Amino acid sequence: MDILAQVNEIDVEDPGELQEGFLVASIKNVGLEEATVNGVALEPGEAKGYPFVGKGYRKITYDPNRSTLRIMQIL
């Protein structure tokens, strides 16, 4: 196991998922349309966080729905 965490920061416009096992993540809707994260609506300007809880998360799906999501995750 690597002793340093890997931080990934991306903007996405297509549906996808945060891979299983991520340690921390935040997702912000930086677009103009409502997006969906983990089955819940995310309005423009809103953000959702997944803080460190002592173990990795299961995968989280997202769909920008014609918007843009800014994602930061630590693996």
C-alpha atoms as a PDB file:
ATOM      1  CA  MET A   1       0.000   0.000   0.000  1.00  0.00           C
ATOM      2  CA  ASP A   2       1.292   3.431  -0.964  1.00  0.00           C
ATOM      3  CA  ILE A   3       1.774   5.762   2.009  1.00  0.00           C
ATOM      4  CA  LEU A   4       0.676   8.860   0.058  1.00  0.00           C
ATOM      5  CA  ALA A   5      -2.927   9.449  -0.996  1.00  0.00           C
ATOM      6  CA  GLN A   6      -3.672  10.226  -4.635  1.00  0.00           C
ATOM      7  CA  VAL A   7      -5.823  13.337  -5.206  1.00  0.00           C
ATOM      8  CA  ASN A   8      -7.810  13.548  -8.443  1.00  0.00           C
ATOM      9  CA  GLU A   9      -9.640  16.728  -9.515  1.00  0.00           C
ATOM     10  CA  ILE A  10     -11.719  16.755 -12.685  1.00  0.00           C
ATOM     11  CA  ASP A  11     -14.700  18.440 -14.369  1.00  0.00           C
ATOM     12  CA  VAL A  12     -17.153  15.998 -15.958  1.00  0.00           C
ATOM     13  CA  GLU A  13     -20.084  16.387 -18.335  1.00  0.00           C
ATOM     14  CA  ASP A  14     -20.887  12.694 -18.844  1.00  0.00           C
ATOM     15  CA  PRO A  15     -22.432  10.166 -16.424  1.00  0.00           C
ATOM     16  CA  GLY A  16     -19.986   8.066 -14.428  1.00  0.00           C
ATOM     17  CA  GLU A  17     -19.030   6.886 -10.969  1.00  0.00           C
ATOM     18  CA  LEU A  18     -16.510   7.390  -8.217  1.00  0.00           C
ATOM     19  CA  GLN A  19     -14.630   4.128  -8.001  1.00  0.00           C
ATOM     20  CA  GLU A  20     -15.193   1.862  -5.030  1.00  0.00           C
ATOM     21  CA  GLY A  21     -12.666   2.364  -2.241  1.00  0.00           C
ATOM     22  CA  PHE A  22     -12.227   6.155  -2.437  1.00  0.00           C
ATOM     23  CA  LEU A  23     -11.434   7.741   0.946  1.00  0.00           C
ATOM     24  CA  VAL A  24     -12.750  11.321   0.578  1.00  0.00           C
ATOM     25  CA  ALA A  25     -14.677  13.109  -2.173  1.00  0.00           C
ATOM     26  CA  SER A  26     -16.589  16.280  -2.934  1.00  0.00           C
ATOM     27  CA  ILE A  27     -18.795  16.977  -5.911  1.00  0.00           C
ATOM     28  CA  LYS A  28     -20.009  20.447  -6.883  1.00  0.00           C
ATOM     29  CA  ASN A  29     -22.464  21.290  -9.620  1.00  0.00           C
ATOM     30  CA  VAL A  30     -20.696  24.151 -11.419  1.00  0.00           C
ATOM     31  CA  GLY A  31     -23.085  24.074 -14.374  1.00  0.00           C
ATOM     32  CA  LEU A  32     -26.515  25.558 -15.029  1.00  0.00           C
ATOM     33  CA  GLU A  33     -28.758  22.468 -14.847  1.00  0.00           C
ATOM     34  CA  GLU A  34     -29.789  20.119 -12.034  1.00  0.00           C
ATOM     35  CA  ALA A  35     -27.514  17.071 -11.765  1.00  0.00           C
ATOM     36  CA  THR A  36     -27.946  13.741  -9.960  1.00  0.00           C
ATOM     37  CA  VAL A  37     -25.428  12.299  -7.473  1.00  0.00           C
ATOM     38  CA  ASN A  38     -26.058   8.954  -5.788  1.00  0.00           C
ATOM     39  CA  GLY A  39     -29.715   9.194  -6.830  1.00  0.00           C
ATOM     40  CA  VAL A  40     -30.223  12.651  -5.256  1.00  0.00           C
ATOM     41  CA  ALA A  41     -30.723  15.957  -7.117  1.00  0.00           C
ATOM     42  CA  LEU A  42     -27.862  18.460  -6.929  1.00  0.00           C
ATOM     43  CA  GLU A  43     -28.910  21.980  -7.893  1.00  0.00           C
ATOM     44  CA  PRO A  44     -26.531  24.406  -9.666  1.00  0.00           C
ATOM     45  CA  GLY A  45     -24.061  25.805  -7.131  1.00  0.00           C
ATOM     46  CA  GLU A  46     -24.690  23.035  -4.595  1.00  0.00           C
ATOM     47  CA  ALA A  47     -21.994  20.672  -3.383  1.00  0.00           C
ATOM     48  CA  LYS A  48     -22.016  17.279  -1.717  1.00  0.00           C
ATOM     49  CA  GLY A  49     -19.197  15.862   0.400  1.00  0.00           C
ATOM     50  CA  TYR A  50     -18.107  12.391   1.423  1.00  0.00           C
ATOM     51  CA  PRO A  51     -15.706  12.855   4.376  1.00  0.00           C
ATOM     52  CA  PHE A  52     -13.168  10.352   5.671  1.00  0.00           C
ATOM     53  CA  VAL A  53     -14.988   7.736   7.780  1.00  0.00           C
ATOM     54  CA  GLY A  54     -12.161   5.319   8.529  1.00  0.00           C
ATOM     55  CA  LYS A  55     -12.719   3.038   5.521  1.00  0.00           C
ATOM     56  CA  GLY A  56     -13.310   3.321   1.786  1.00  0.00           C
ATOM     57  CA  TYR A  57     -16.717   4.083   0.271  1.00  0.00           C
ATOM     58  CA  ARG A  58     -18.734   1.944  -2.105  1.00  0.00           C
ATOM     59  CA  LYS A  59     -18.999   3.390  -5.627  1.00  0.00           C
ATOM     60  CA  ILE A  60     -21.077   6.557  -6.052  1.00  0.00           C
ATOM     61  CA  THR A  61     -22.815   7.198  -9.378  1.00  0.00           C
ATOM     62  CA  TYR A  62     -23.379  10.622 -10.888  1.00  0.00           C
ATOM     63  CA  ASP A  63     -25.149  12.092 -13.918  1.00  0.00           C
ATOM     64  CA  PRO A  64     -24.507  15.750 -14.815  1.00  0.00           C
ATOM     65  CA  ASN A  65     -27.732  15.906 -16.914  1.00  0.00           C
ATOM     66  CA  ARG A  66     -26.413  18.558 -19.350  1.00  0.00           C
ATOM     67  CA  SER A  67     -24.527  20.302 -16.509  1.00  0.00           C
ATOM     68  CA  THR A  68     -20.910  20.158 -15.290  1.00  0.00           C
ATOM     69  CA  LEU A  69     -19.735  18.516 -12.083  1.00  0.00           C
ATOM     70  CA  ARG A  70     -16.413  19.390 -10.445  1.00  0.00           C
ATOM     71  CA  ILE A  71     -15.146  16.324  -8.589  1.00  0.00           C
ATOM     72  CA  MET A  72     -12.307  16.028  -6.104  1.00  0.00           C
ATOM     73  CA  GLN A  73     -11.561  12.589  -4.734  1.00  0.00           C
ATOM     74  CA  ILE A  74      -8.815  11.052  -2.671  1.00  0.00           C
ATOM     75  CA  LEU A  75      -7.993   7.430  -3.378  1.00  0.00           C
END
